Amino acid sequence: MDEPNTFTDFVRRIRAGDEGAAAELLRRYEPYIRREVRFRLRDRRLNRLFDSQDICQLVLASFFVRAAAGQYDLDEPGQLLKLLMAMARNKLAVQVRNQQRQRRDNRRLAQDGAEELEAVVASDPSPIQVLAGKELLEQVRRRLSDEERCLADLRAEGHDWPSIAARVGGTAGARRVQLSRAVERVARQLGLEEGEADA
């Protein structure tokens, strides 16, 4: 996956919902995401609330939905790693803020302490299940307008923004922002995001 054409094909396969590409992404990048979460989670009390695997699943579910919608322009593996690390930091920060906002006394929690986050994560399929079943991606597609779905389809086919704009009208920047806002809206509706920007 070191050559640019191979990485471009890898991203195209992820956008298309290819299960093999999803498994490859998990194999290569999950350890980095989990390490980033563990490194940033220095408060022992919060360690009982958030497991690196839980945050990793939230990151990957959000990434797969957004990638399938064509939101990310990734040219090389370093960009993908940087994006996933930023998403991990943001997901963790949101979970920590939610706990602080609710003014929870972490010392009173049971030893395993992850009841709430486990309930959220357990209710969602794993990233592999999301791609295999296409259930979440279909929910995203149903919530997009016809025009937004067209943009997402063109991105999933590998078209760049200038060629998409030439095809459907408008400017490349405007069409990119339109799809980005649509994906943000749908992600919030589906509970994948809580207002944070991923990268």
Protein backbone atom coordinates (compact mmCIF):
# COMPACT_ATOMS: atom_id res chain seq x y z
CA MET A 1 0.00 0.00 0.00
CA ASP A 2 3.05 2.26 -0.25
CA GLU A 3 2.65 3.32 -3.90
CA PRO A 4 0.27 6.27 -4.55
CA ASN A 5 -1.90 4.29 -7.00
CA THR A 6 -2.26 1.46 -4.49
CA PHE A 7 -3.30 3.87 -1.73
CA THR A 8 -5.73 5.63 -4.09
CA ASP A 9 -7.28 2.24 -4.87
CA PHE A 10 -7.42 1.43 -1.14
CA VAL A 11 -9.34 4.68 -0.45
CA ARG A 12 -11.64 3.99 -3.39
CA ARG A 13 -12.39 0.52 -1.98
CA ILE A 14 -13.13 2.00 1.46
CA ARG A 15 -15.52 4.50 -0.13
CA ALA A 16 -17.23 1.63 -1.94
CA GLY A 17 -17.74 -0.23 1.35
CA ASP A 18 -15.32 -3.07 0.53
CA GLU A 19 -15.09 -5.37 3.57
CA GLY A 20 -11.51 -6.38 2.76
CA ALA A 21 -10.39 -2.75 2.68
CA ALA A 22 -12.17 -2.13 6.00
CA ALA A 23 -10.39 -5.10 7.56
CA GLU A 24 -7.06 -3.84 6.20
CA LEU A 25 -7.71 -0.39 7.64
CA LEU A 26 -8.54 -1.90 11.02
CA ARG A 27 -5.43 -4.07 10.99
CA ARG A 28 -3.12 -1.20 10.08
CA TYR A 29 -4.60 1.74 11.98
CA GLU A 30 -6.53 0.46 15.00
CA PRO A 31 -3.37 0.05 17.14
CA TYR A 32 -2.41 3.68 16.47
CA ILE A 33 -5.88 4.96 17.38
CA ARG A 34 -5.98 2.96 20.60
CA ARG A 35 -2.48 4.09 21.57
CA GLU A 36 -3.44 7.73 20.98
CA VAL A 37 -6.49 7.37 23.23
CA ARG A 38 -4.53 5.61 25.98
CA PHE A 39 -1.79 8.26 25.81
CA ARG A 40 -4.30 11.11 26.17
CA LEU A 41 -6.39 9.43 28.84
CA ARG A 42 -4.14 10.20 31.81
CA ASP A 43 -6.83 10.59 34.47
CA ARG A 44 -7.20 7.18 36.14
CA ARG A 45 -10.83 7.92 37.07
CA LEU A 46 -11.68 8.43 33.39
CA ASN A 47 -9.89 5.21 32.48
CA ARG A 48 -12.79 3.43 34.17
CA LEU A 49 -15.26 5.26 31.92
CA PHE A 50 -13.56 5.12 28.53
CA ASP A 51 -11.80 2.17 27.03
CA SER A 52 -9.53 2.78 24.05
CA GLN A 53 -11.50 0.15 22.11
CA ASP A 54 -14.78 2.00 22.69
CA ILE A 55 -13.39 5.29 21.41
CA CYS A 56 -11.73 3.46 18.51
CA GLN A 57 -15.08 2.02 17.44
CA LEU A 58 -16.66 5.47 17.53
CA VAL A 59 -13.80 6.86 15.42
CA LEU A 60 -13.98 4.07 12.85
CA ALA A 61 -17.77 4.15 12.53
CA SER A 62 -17.64 7.91 11.90
CA PHE A 63 -14.72 7.53 9.50
CA PHE A 64 -16.38 4.81 7.41
CA VAL A 65 -19.60 6.79 7.04
CA ARG A 66 -17.77 9.96 6.06
CA ALA A 67 -15.36 8.14 3.74
CA ALA A 68 -18.25 6.38 2.00
CA ALA A 69 -19.85 9.78 1.47
CA GLY A 70 -16.62 11.00 -0.15
CA GLN A 71 -15.88 13.61 2.47
CA TYR A 72 -12.14 12.98 2.77
CA ASP A 73 -9.43 13.76 0.22
CA LEU A 74 -6.60 11.40 1.12
CA ASP A 75 -3.53 11.08 -1.08
CA GLU A 76 -1.17 9.08 1.12
CA PRO A 77 -1.19 6.89 4.25
CA GLY A 78 0.27 9.65 6.45
CA GLN A 79 -2.78 11.82 5.80
CA LEU A 80 -5.09 8.98 6.80
CA LEU A 81 -3.15 8.37 10.02
CA LYS A 82 -3.18 12.09 10.86
CA LEU A 83 -6.95 12.23 10.24
CA LEU A 84 -7.65 9.20 12.43
CA MET A 85 -5.48 10.59 15.24
CA ALA A 86 -7.36 13.91 15.13
CA MET A 87 -10.68 12.06 15.16
CA ALA A 88 -9.56 10.00 18.17
CA ARG A 89 -8.58 13.12 20.11
CA ASN A 90 -11.88 14.79 19.25
CA LYS A 91 -14.03 11.76 20.13
CA LEU A 92 -12.24 11.38 23.45
CA ALA A 93 -12.56 15.11 24.20
CA VAL A 94 -16.32 14.97 23.53
CA GLN A 95 -16.77 11.99 25.85
CA VAL A 96 -14.74 13.70 28.60
CA ARG A 97 -16.71 16.95 28.19
CA ASN A 98 -19.98 15.02 28.37
CA GLN A 99 -18.91 13.46 31.65
CA GLN A 100 -17.79 16.81 33.06
CA ARG A 101 -20.97 18.51 31.91
CA GLN A 102 -23.04 15.90 33.68
CA ARG A 103 -20.92 16.51 36.80
CA ARG A 104 -20.46 12.86 37.50
CA ASP A 105 -18.56 11.74 40.57
CA ASN A 106 -16.25 9.20 38.94
CA ARG A 107 -15.13 7.86 42.34
CA ARG A 108 -18.61 6.43 42.98
CA LEU A 109 -18.67 4.34 39.82
CA ALA A 110 -18.34 0.59 39.95
CA GLN A 111 -14.94 -0.93 39.30
CA ASP A 112 -15.48 -1.49 35.59
CA GLY A 113 -17.27 1.88 35.37
CA ALA A 114 -18.02 2.00 31.65
CA GLU A 115 -21.78 1.42 31.77
CA GLU A 116 -22.92 4.39 29.74
CA LEU A 117 -20.29 4.34 27.03
CA GLU A 118 -20.63 0.59 26.69
CA ALA A 119 -24.36 1.02 26.19
CA VAL A 120 -23.75 3.53 23.41
CA VAL A 121 -21.09 1.44 21.70
CA ALA A 122 -22.92 -1.86 22.18
CA SER A 123 -25.99 -0.46 20.47
CA ASP A 124 -23.98 0.24 17.33
CA PRO A 125 -22.49 -2.47 15.13
CA SER A 126 -18.72 -2.76 14.90
CA PRO A 127 -17.10 -1.01 11.92
CA ILE A 128 -16.77 -4.32 10.05
CA GLN A 129 -20.46 -5.09 10.65
CA VAL A 130 -21.37 -1.60 9.45
CA LEU A 131 -19.61 -2.16 6.17
CA ALA A 132 -20.65 -5.78 5.75
CA GLY A 133 -24.32 -5.08 6.34
CA LYS A 134 -24.34 -1.63 4.73
CA GLU A 135 -27.05 -0.78 7.26
CA LEU A 136 -25.53 2.44 8.55
CA LEU A 137 -24.45 3.57 5.10
CA GLU A 138 -27.95 2.98 3.80
CA GLN A 139 -29.32 5.09 6.65
CA VAL A 140 -26.93 7.85 5.67
CA ARG A 141 -27.93 7.62 2.00
CA ARG A 142 -31.65 7.75 2.86
CA ARG A 143 -31.13 10.97 4.82
CA LEU A 144 -29.28 12.73 2.01
CA SER A 145 -31.20 14.71 -0.58
CA ASP A 146 -31.06 13.48 -4.19
CA GLU A 147 -28.48 16.16 -5.02
CA GLU A 148 -26.35 15.32 -1.97
CA ARG A 149 -26.57 11.60 -2.80
CA CYS A 150 -25.40 12.35 -6.34
CA LEU A 151 -22.36 14.20 -4.97
CA ALA A 152 -21.58 11.33 -2.60
CA ASP A 153 -21.88 8.79 -5.41
CA LEU A 154 -19.56 10.75 -7.67
CA ARG A 155 -16.99 11.04 -4.86
CA ALA A 156 -17.30 7.31 -4.12
CA GLU A 157 -16.57 6.64 -7.80
CA GLY A 158 -13.30 8.56 -7.38
CA HIS A 159 -14.17 11.84 -9.11
CA ASP A 160 -12.36 14.94 -7.85
CA TRP A 161 -14.25 18.11 -6.94
CA PRO A 162 -13.49 20.07 -10.15
CA SER A 163 -14.86 17.24 -12.32
CA ILE A 164 -17.92 16.92 -10.07
CA ALA A 165 -18.58 20.66 -10.33
CA ALA A 166 -18.21 20.48 -14.13
CA ARG A 167 -20.75 17.67 -14.18
CA VAL A 168 -23.41 19.04 -11.81
CA GLY A 169 -22.70 22.76 -11.88
CA GLY A 170 -21.43 25.19 -9.28
CA THR A 171 -17.87 25.46 -8.05
CA ALA A 172 -15.67 22.69 -6.70
CA GLY A 173 -15.42 24.43 -3.32
CA ALA A 174 -19.16 24.97 -3.03
CA ARG A 175 -19.95 21.34 -3.87
CA ARG A 176 -17.32 20.10 -1.38
CA VAL A 177 -18.82 22.28 1.38
CA GLN A 178 -22.35 21.18 0.44
CA LEU A 179 -21.48 17.50 0.86
CA SER A 180 -19.46 18.16 4.00
CA ARG A 181 -22.39 19.95 5.64
CA ALA A 182 -24.78 17.21 4.56
CA VAL A 183 -22.58 14.51 6.08
CA GLU A 184 -22.23 16.53 9.32
CA ARG A 185 -26.02 16.90 9.49
CA VAL A 186 -26.67 13.20 8.92
CA ALA A 187 -23.91 12.12 11.33
CA ARG A 188 -25.51 14.24 14.07
CA GLN A 189 -28.96 12.82 13.25
CA LEU A 190 -27.59 9.28 13.57
CA GLY A 191 -25.77 10.05 16.81
CA LEU A 192 -22.28 9.55 15.34
CA GLU A 193 -21.24 13.10 16.14
CA GLU A 194 -21.96 15.45 18.98
CA GLY A 195 -21.03 18.72 17.36
CA GLU A 196 -17.28 18.24 17.15
CA ALA A 197 -15.28 18.76 13.99
CA ASP A 198 -13.17 15.74 13.19
CA ALA A 199 -10.29 17.30 11.38
